[in-house]
Amino acid sequence: MSAEVQSSTSHEDRAEARLLEPVATVVRGVYRLFLVGLVVGAVRPLAGTKLGLMWGGPYVCAESRSDFSTDGITGMFRPHAGVEVMARPSYCTDHADSAQRLFDFLGSFPSLLLVLGILFLLNRLIQGASREGVFTARTVKHLRVAGWWLLLGCLVAEVVEAGAHAALLATLTQDYTFDTFDVGIWQPPYALVFTALGILTFARVLRAGVAMREDLEGAV
């Protein structure tokens, strides 16, 4: 009888583990590759090379987020008559000071940290669900943490990166004045916000399912 119970439990565990696919395999693989990339990015500069993951060198660029007309500049693809060509120029310098390098670093690092954090949280969620089962209170907790990290993290990352981009652009142009209240520099991460809200909603649904399962097991 005991062997039958153990066999049934093992079968249920394998069935629940299959529910995590294919995201489990993808998250594990990407997370490991990401960690390898961070290690390489930290070691290679010591050998005299530079990787984009690290604080950059004296060459930095900032792209304007406003469109400009390119009248008189035909380039490779000449427009038809009556067609106006719009472009966004990039302002670059090869002798950036420490402040400009910091702004350039802050223009991308928050997103990198956001991705690393969500990969870590998802990997922890998958490991816990694989060991203890999908329908557990711990899985619900890990899912909620991942949802809140993505929701708050994407908003903070956008604010920091947009502010750093605007500050860097102000140091590279004469006519642009840095203004933290200029809504034109913000690009709200709508997709990530809705994804995070979906994760939090699914966590609530899963919590209700876990509660019902515990009630049924208690009744039996």
C-alpha atoms as a PDB file:
ATOM      1  CA  MET A   1       0.000   0.000   0.000  1.00  0.00           C
ATOM      2  CA  SER A   2       2.829   2.357   0.903  1.00  0.00           C
ATOM      3  CA  ALA A   3       4.549   1.693  -2.418  1.00  0.00           C
ATOM      4  CA  GLU A   4       1.332   2.501  -4.267  1.00  0.00           C
ATOM      5  CA  VAL A   5       0.999   5.813  -2.405  1.00  0.00           C
ATOM      6  CA  GLN A   6       4.598   6.746  -3.134  1.00  0.00           C
ATOM      7  CA  SER A   7       4.164   5.824  -6.799  1.00  0.00           C
ATOM      8  CA  SER A   8       1.014   7.932  -7.036  1.00  0.00           C
ATOM      9  CA  THR A   9       2.725  10.878  -5.344  1.00  0.00           C
ATOM     10  CA  SER A  10       5.723  10.625  -7.658  1.00  0.00           C
ATOM     11  CA  HIS A  11       3.417  10.520 -10.677  1.00  0.00           C
ATOM     12  CA  GLU A  12       1.603  13.657  -9.482  1.00  0.00           C
ATOM     13  CA  ASP A  13       4.908  15.466  -8.934  1.00  0.00           C
ATOM     14  CA  ARG A  14       6.045  14.637 -12.465  1.00  0.00           C
ATOM     15  CA  ALA A  15       2.697  15.762 -13.857  1.00  0.00           C
ATOM     16  CA  GLU A  16       2.921  19.095 -12.032  1.00  0.00           C
ATOM     17  CA  ALA A  17       6.523  19.556 -13.162  1.00  0.00           C
ATOM     18  CA  ARG A  18       5.397  19.134 -16.770  1.00  0.00           C
ATOM     19  CA  LEU A  19       2.982  22.041 -16.237  1.00  0.00           C
ATOM     20  CA  LEU A  20       6.002  24.338 -15.936  1.00  0.00           C
ATOM     21  CA  GLU A  21       7.234  23.554 -19.438  1.00  0.00           C
ATOM     22  CA  PRO A  22       8.397  25.067 -21.735  1.00  0.00           C
ATOM     23  CA  VAL A  23       8.998  28.178 -19.632  1.00  0.00           C
ATOM     24  CA  ALA A  24      11.048  26.235 -17.052  1.00  0.00           C
ATOM     25  CA  THR A  25      13.639  25.107 -19.605  1.00  0.00           C
ATOM     26  CA  VAL A  26      13.812  28.551 -21.229  1.00  0.00           C
ATOM     27  CA  VAL A  27      14.197  30.425 -17.927  1.00  0.00           C
ATOM     28  CA  ARG A  28      16.894  28.056 -16.664  1.00  0.00           C
ATOM     29  CA  GLY A  29      18.855  28.334 -19.903  1.00  0.00           C
ATOM     30  CA  VAL A  30      18.586  32.112 -20.239  1.00  0.00           C
ATOM     31  CA  TYR A  31      19.377  32.635 -16.559  1.00  0.00           C
ATOM     32  CA  ARG A  32      22.571  30.570 -16.801  1.00  0.00           C
ATOM     33  CA  LEU A  33      23.642  32.313 -20.013  1.00  0.00           C
ATOM     34  CA  PHE A  34      22.951  35.661 -18.379  1.00  0.00           C
ATOM     35  CA  LEU A  35      25.128  34.787 -15.393  1.00  0.00           C
ATOM     36  CA  VAL A  36      27.921  33.653 -17.720  1.00  0.00           C
ATOM     37  CA  GLY A  37      27.636  36.938 -19.604  1.00  0.00           C
ATOM     38  CA  LEU A  38      27.914  38.921 -16.368  1.00  0.00           C
ATOM     39  CA  VAL A  39      30.989  36.971 -15.309  1.00  0.00           C
ATOM     40  CA  VAL A  40      32.617  37.497 -18.701  1.00  0.00           C
ATOM     41  CA  GLY A  41      31.696  41.168 -18.567  1.00  0.00           C
ATOM     42  CA  ALA A  42      33.363  41.500 -15.183  1.00  0.00           C
ATOM     43  CA  VAL A  43      36.528  39.583 -16.110  1.00  0.00           C
ATOM     44  CA  ARG A  44      37.299  40.738 -19.651  1.00  0.00           C
ATOM     45  CA  PRO A  45      37.988  44.406 -18.741  1.00  0.00           C
ATOM     46  CA  LEU A  46      40.729  43.140 -16.447  1.00  0.00           C
ATOM     47  CA  ALA A  47      42.415  41.682 -19.531  1.00  0.00           C
ATOM     48  CA  GLY A  48      42.385  45.040 -21.313  1.00  0.00           C
ATOM     49  CA  THR A  49      39.089  44.746 -23.184  1.00  0.00           C
ATOM     50  CA  LYS A  50      35.719  46.386 -22.606  1.00  0.00           C
ATOM     51  CA  LEU A  51      32.260  44.827 -22.703  1.00  0.00           C
ATOM     52  CA  GLY A  52      29.047  46.805 -22.992  1.00  0.00           C
ATOM     53  CA  LEU A  53      27.808  45.422 -19.680  1.00  0.00           C
ATOM     54  CA  MET A  54      30.450  47.393 -17.807  1.00  0.00           C
ATOM     55  CA  TRP A  55      30.847  51.120 -17.233  1.00  0.00           C
ATOM     56  CA  GLY A  56      31.685  52.395 -20.725  1.00  0.00           C
ATOM     57  CA  GLY A  57      34.722  54.262 -21.953  1.00  0.00           C
ATOM     58  CA  PRO A  58      35.082  57.880 -23.053  1.00  0.00           C
ATOM     59  CA  TYR A  59      32.869  57.404 -26.142  1.00  0.00           C
ATOM     60  CA  VAL A  60      29.154  57.945 -25.416  1.00  0.00           C
ATOM     61  CA  CYS A  61      26.112  58.766 -27.526  1.00  0.00           C
ATOM     62  CA  ALA A  62      22.616  60.054 -26.830  1.00  0.00           C
ATOM     63  CA  GLU A  63      19.820  59.940 -29.372  1.00  0.00           C
ATOM     64  CA  SER A  64      17.306  62.760 -29.507  1.00  0.00           C
ATOM     65  CA  ARG A  65      13.742  61.656 -28.856  1.00  0.00           C
ATOM     66  CA  SER A  66      12.390  64.425 -31.107  1.00  0.00           C
ATOM     67  CA  ASP A  67      12.017  64.100 -34.871  1.00  0.00           C
ATOM     68  CA  PHE A  68      13.709  66.586 -37.192  1.00  0.00           C
ATOM     69  CA  SER A  69      13.074  67.258 -40.845  1.00  0.00           C
ATOM     70  CA  THR A  70      15.937  66.308 -43.169  1.00  0.00           C
ATOM     71  CA  ASP A  71      15.117  68.646 -46.049  1.00  0.00           C
ATOM     72  CA  GLY A  72      18.048  68.797 -48.452  1.00  0.00           C
ATOM     73  CA  ILE A  73      19.559  65.543 -47.196  1.00  0.00           C
ATOM     74  CA  THR A  74      18.634  62.734 -49.556  1.00  0.00           C
ATOM     75  CA  GLY A  75      20.976  59.990 -48.332  1.00  0.00           C
ATOM     76  CA  MET A  76      20.837  56.536 -49.909  1.00  0.00           C
ATOM     77  CA  PHE A  77      17.044  56.349 -50.284  1.00  0.00           C
ATOM     78  CA  ARG A  78      15.746  59.419 -52.081  1.00  0.00           C
ATOM     79  CA  PRO A  79      12.112  60.267 -51.255  1.00  0.00           C
ATOM     80  CA  HIS A  80       9.421  60.838 -53.835  1.00  0.00           C
ATOM     81  CA  ALA A  81       8.211  64.356 -54.522  1.00  0.00           C
ATOM     82  CA  GLY A  82       6.070  65.653 -51.664  1.00  0.00           C
ATOM     83  CA  VAL A  83       7.465  63.144 -49.147  1.00  0.00           C
ATOM     84  CA  GLU A  84       9.062  64.615 -46.031  1.00  0.00           C
ATOM     85  CA  VAL A  85      11.844  62.647 -44.358  1.00  0.00           C
ATOM     86  CA  MET A  86      12.099  62.771 -40.550  1.00  0.00           C
ATOM     87  CA  ALA A  87      15.095  61.602 -38.528  1.00  0.00           C
ATOM     88  CA  ARG A  88      16.391  61.484 -34.965  1.00  0.00           C
ATOM     89  CA  PRO A  89      20.001  62.594 -34.641  1.00  0.00           C
ATOM     90  CA  SER A  90      22.499  61.057 -32.230  1.00  0.00           C
ATOM     91  CA  TYR A  91      24.933  63.260 -30.345  1.00  0.00           C
ATOM     92  CA  CYS A  92      28.242  61.559 -29.615  1.00  0.00           C
ATOM     93  CA  THR A  93      31.507  62.454 -27.968  1.00  0.00           C
ATOM     94  CA  ASP A  94      34.775  60.545 -27.708  1.00  0.00           C
ATOM     95  CA  HIS A  95      36.011  62.473 -24.667  1.00  0.00           C
ATOM     96  CA  ALA A  96      33.168  62.015 -22.180  1.00  0.00           C
ATOM     97  CA  ASP A  97      33.792  63.153 -18.633  1.00  0.00           C
ATOM     98  CA  SER A  98      32.878  61.117 -15.544  1.00  0.00           C
ATOM     99  CA  ALA A  99      29.378  62.633 -15.263  1.00  0.00           C
ATOM    100  CA  GLN A 100      28.547  61.830 -18.886  1.00  0.00           C
ATOM    101  CA  ARG A 101      29.843  58.283 -18.471  1.00  0.00           C
ATOM    102  CA  LEU A 102      27.688  57.886 -15.369  1.00  0.00           C
ATOM    103  CA  PHE A 103      24.591  59.143 -17.209  1.00  0.00           C
ATOM    104  CA  ASP A 104      25.356  56.762 -20.070  1.00  0.00           C
ATOM    105  CA  PHE A 105      25.711  53.874 -17.597  1.00  0.00           C
ATOM    106  CA  LEU A 106      22.434  54.730 -15.850  1.00  0.00           C
ATOM    107  CA  GLY A 107      20.732  54.884 -19.232  1.00  0.00           C
ATOM    108  CA  SER A 108      20.821  51.095 -19.552  1.00  0.00           C
ATOM    109  CA  PHE A 109      21.841  49.513 -16.231  1.00  0.00           C
ATOM    110  CA  PRO A 110      18.375  49.619 -14.544  1.00  0.00           C
ATOM    111  CA  SER A 111      16.892  47.506 -17.356  1.00  0.00           C
ATOM    112  CA  LEU A 112      19.767  45.065 -17.022  1.00  0.00           C
ATOM    113  CA  LEU A 113      19.124  44.812 -13.287  1.00  0.00           C
ATOM    114  CA  LEU A 114      15.400  44.380 -13.918  1.00  0.00           C
ATOM    115  CA  VAL A 115      16.010  41.469 -16.304  1.00  0.00           C
ATOM    116  CA  LEU A 116      18.506  39.820 -13.953  1.00  0.00           C
ATOM    117  CA  GLY A 117      16.085  40.149 -11.036  1.00  0.00           C
ATOM    118  CA  ILE A 118      13.088  38.707 -12.867  1.00  0.00           C
ATOM    119  CA  LEU A 119      15.178  35.806 -14.185  1.00  0.00           C
ATOM    120  CA  PHE A 120      16.396  35.070 -10.655  1.00  0.00           C
ATOM    121  CA  LEU A 121      12.871  35.207  -9.217  1.00  0.00           C
ATOM    122  CA  LEU A 122      11.402  33.043 -11.980  1.00  0.00           C
ATOM    123  CA  ASN A 123      14.222  30.525 -11.613  1.00  0.00           C
ATOM    124  CA  ARG A 124      13.595  30.365  -7.855  1.00  0.00           C
ATOM    125  CA  LEU A 125       9.860  29.972  -8.465  1.00  0.00           C
ATOM    126  CA  ILE A 126      10.424  27.112 -10.912  1.00  0.00           C
ATOM    127  CA  GLN A 127      12.869  25.319  -8.621  1.00  0.00           C
ATOM    128  CA  GLY A 128      10.473  25.565  -5.680  1.00  0.00           C
ATOM    129  CA  ALA A 129       7.481  24.454  -7.734  1.00  0.00           C
ATOM    130  CA  SER A 130       9.448  21.506  -9.128  1.00  0.00           C
ATOM    131  CA  ARG A 131      10.360  20.317  -5.612  1.00  0.00           C
ATOM    132  CA  GLU A 132       7.174  21.060  -3.674  1.00  0.00           C
ATOM    133  CA  GLY A 133       4.521  21.215  -6.381  1.00  0.00           C
ATOM    134  CA  VAL A 134       2.841  23.967  -8.354  1.00  0.00           C
ATOM    135  CA  PHE A 135      -0.248  24.320  -6.181  1.00  0.00           C
ATOM    136  CA  THR A 136       1.393  25.456  -2.942  1.00  0.00           C
ATOM    137  CA  ALA A 137       1.399  28.629  -0.886  1.00  0.00           C
ATOM    138  CA  ARG A 138       5.146  29.025  -1.475  1.00  0.00           C
ATOM    139  CA  THR A 139       4.654  29.021  -5.251  1.00  0.00           C
ATOM    140  CA  VAL A 140       1.975  31.689  -4.887  1.00  0.00           C
ATOM    141  CA  LYS A 141       4.331  33.796  -2.755  1.00  0.00           C
ATOM    142  CA  HIS A 142       7.175  33.519  -5.278  1.00  0.00           C
ATOM    143  CA  LEU A 143       4.814  34.407  -8.123  1.00  0.00           C
ATOM    144  CA  ARG A 144       3.565  37.492  -6.303  1.00  0.00           C
ATOM    145  CA  VAL A 145       7.111  38.655  -5.585  1.00  0.00           C
ATOM    146  CA  ALA A 146       8.007  38.252  -9.262  1.00  0.00           C
ATOM    147  CA  GLY A 147       4.926  40.218 -10.300  1.00  0.00           C
ATOM    148  CA  TRP A 148       5.618  43.105  -7.924  1.00  0.00           C
ATOM    149  CA  TRP A 149       9.302  43.166  -8.924  1.00  0.00           C
ATOM    150  CA  LEU A 150       8.360  43.447 -12.596  1.00  0.00           C
ATOM    151  CA  LEU A 151       5.647  46.054 -11.999  1.00  0.00           C
ATOM    152  CA  LEU A 152       7.645  48.368  -9.752  1.00  0.00           C
ATOM    153  CA  GLY A 153      10.988  47.614 -11.396  1.00  0.00           C
ATOM    154  CA  CYS A 154       9.908  48.492 -14.928  1.00  0.00           C
ATOM    155  CA  LEU A 155       8.493  51.836 -13.755  1.00  0.00           C
ATOM    156  CA  VAL A 156      11.585  52.728 -11.727  1.00  0.00           C
ATOM    157  CA  ALA A 157      13.891  51.620 -14.545  1.00  0.00           C
ATOM    158  CA  GLU A 158      12.050  53.822 -17.053  1.00  0.00           C
ATOM    159  CA  VAL A 159      12.185  56.865 -14.771  1.00  0.00           C
ATOM    160  CA  VAL A 160      15.895  56.444 -14.031  1.00  0.00           C
ATOM    161  CA  GLU A 161      16.873  55.688 -17.623  1.00  0.00           C
ATOM    162  CA  ALA A 162      14.788  58.501 -19.093  1.00  0.00           C
ATOM    163  CA  GLY A 163      16.209  60.970 -16.583  1.00  0.00           C
ATOM    164  CA  ALA A 164      19.776  59.812 -17.243  1.00  0.00           C
ATOM    165  CA  HIS A 165      19.220  60.023 -21.014  1.00  0.00           C
ATOM    166  CA  ALA A 166      17.843  63.560 -20.737  1.00  0.00           C
ATOM    167  CA  ALA A 167      20.705  64.615 -18.456  1.00  0.00           C
ATOM    168  CA  LEU A 168      23.278  63.184 -20.871  1.00  0.00           C
ATOM    169  CA  LEU A 169      21.610  64.863 -23.842  1.00  0.00           C
ATOM    170  CA  ALA A 170      21.679  68.185 -22.011  1.00  0.00           C
ATOM    171  CA  THR A 171      25.469  67.905 -21.661  1.00  0.00           C
ATOM    172  CA  LEU A 172      25.922  67.198 -25.378  1.00  0.00           C
ATOM    173  CA  THR A 173      23.707  69.906 -26.897  1.00  0.00           C
ATOM    174  CA  GLN A 174      23.576  73.666 -26.523  1.00  0.00           C
ATOM    175  CA  ASP A 175      19.852  74.271 -26.967  1.00  0.00           C
ATOM    176  CA  TYR A 176      18.441  71.391 -24.920  1.00  0.00           C
ATOM    177  CA  THR A 177      17.669  72.098 -21.268  1.00  0.00           C
ATOM    178  CA  PHE A 178      17.237  69.197 -18.884  1.00  0.00           C
ATOM    179  CA  ASP A 179      13.765  69.214 -17.340  1.00  0.00           C
ATOM    180  CA  THR A 180      12.627  66.332 -15.131  1.00  0.00           C
ATOM    181  CA  PHE A 181       8.991  67.322 -15.737  1.00  0.00           C
ATOM    182  CA  ASP A 182       9.239  67.062 -19.519  1.00  0.00           C
ATOM    183  CA  VAL A 183       6.844  64.187 -20.231  1.00  0.00           C
ATOM    184  CA  GLY A 184       8.254  63.910 -23.745  1.00  0.00           C
ATOM    185  CA  ILE A 185      11.303  62.037 -22.429  1.00  0.00           C
ATOM    186  CA  TRP A 186       9.236  59.275 -20.809  1.00  0.00           C
ATOM    187  CA  GLN A 187       8.256  56.117 -22.668  1.00  0.00           C
ATOM    188  CA  PRO A 188       5.895  54.216 -20.328  1.00  0.00           C
ATOM    189  CA  PRO A 189       6.518  50.429 -20.447  1.00  0.00           C
ATOM    190  CA  TYR A 190       2.889  49.512 -21.099  1.00  0.00           C
ATOM    191  CA  ALA A 191       3.627  45.908 -22.131  1.00  0.00           C
ATOM    192  CA  LEU A 192       5.622  45.177 -18.970  1.00  0.00           C
ATOM    193  CA  VAL A 193       3.019  46.843 -16.748  1.00  0.00           C
ATOM    194  CA  PHE A 194       0.182  44.754 -18.192  1.00  0.00           C
ATOM    195  CA  THR A 195       2.337  41.617 -17.994  1.00  0.00           C
ATOM    196  CA  ALA A 196       3.064  42.287 -14.323  1.00  0.00           C
ATOM    197  CA  LEU A 197      -0.614  42.907 -13.604  1.00  0.00           C
ATOM    198  CA  GLY A 198      -1.415  39.619 -15.330  1.00  0.00           C
ATOM    199  CA  ILE A 199       1.123  37.785 -13.157  1.00  0.00           C
ATOM    200  CA  LEU A 200      -0.333  39.312  -9.988  1.00  0.00           C
ATOM    201  CA  THR A 201      -3.856  38.395 -11.090  1.00  0.00           C
ATOM    202  CA  PHE A 202      -2.803  34.818 -11.849  1.00  0.00           C
ATOM    203  CA  ALA A 203      -1.165  34.663  -8.410  1.00  0.00           C
ATOM    204  CA  ARG A 204      -4.505  35.578  -6.806  1.00  0.00           C
ATOM    205  CA  VAL A 205      -6.303  32.924  -8.851  1.00  0.00           C
ATOM    206  CA  LEU A 206      -3.667  30.357  -7.922  1.00  0.00           C
ATOM    207  CA  ARG A 207      -3.931  31.299  -4.236  1.00  0.00           C
ATOM    208  CA  ALA A 208      -7.677  30.664  -4.360  1.00  0.00           C
ATOM    209  CA  GLY A 209      -7.021  27.285  -6.016  1.00  0.00           C
ATOM    210  CA  VAL A 210      -4.468  26.365  -3.349  1.00  0.00           C
ATOM    211  CA  ALA A 211      -6.953  27.254  -0.599  1.00  0.00           C
ATOM    212  CA  MET A 212      -9.652  25.091  -2.208  1.00  0.00           C
ATOM    213  CA  ARG A 213      -7.215  22.205  -2.574  1.00  0.00           C
ATOM    214  CA  GLU A 214      -6.227  22.434   1.089  1.00  0.00           C
ATOM    215  CA  ASP A 215      -9.897  22.471   2.116  1.00  0.00           C
ATOM    216  CA  LEU A 216     -10.586  19.358   0.036  1.00  0.00           C
ATOM    217  CA  GLU A 217      -7.558  17.533   1.439  1.00  0.00           C
ATOM    218  CA  GLY A 218      -8.653  18.462   4.957  1.00  0.00           C
ATOM    219  CA  ALA A 219     -12.147  17.180   4.300  1.00  0.00           C
ATOM    220  CA  VAL A 220     -10.809  13.865   3.014  1.00  0.00           C
END
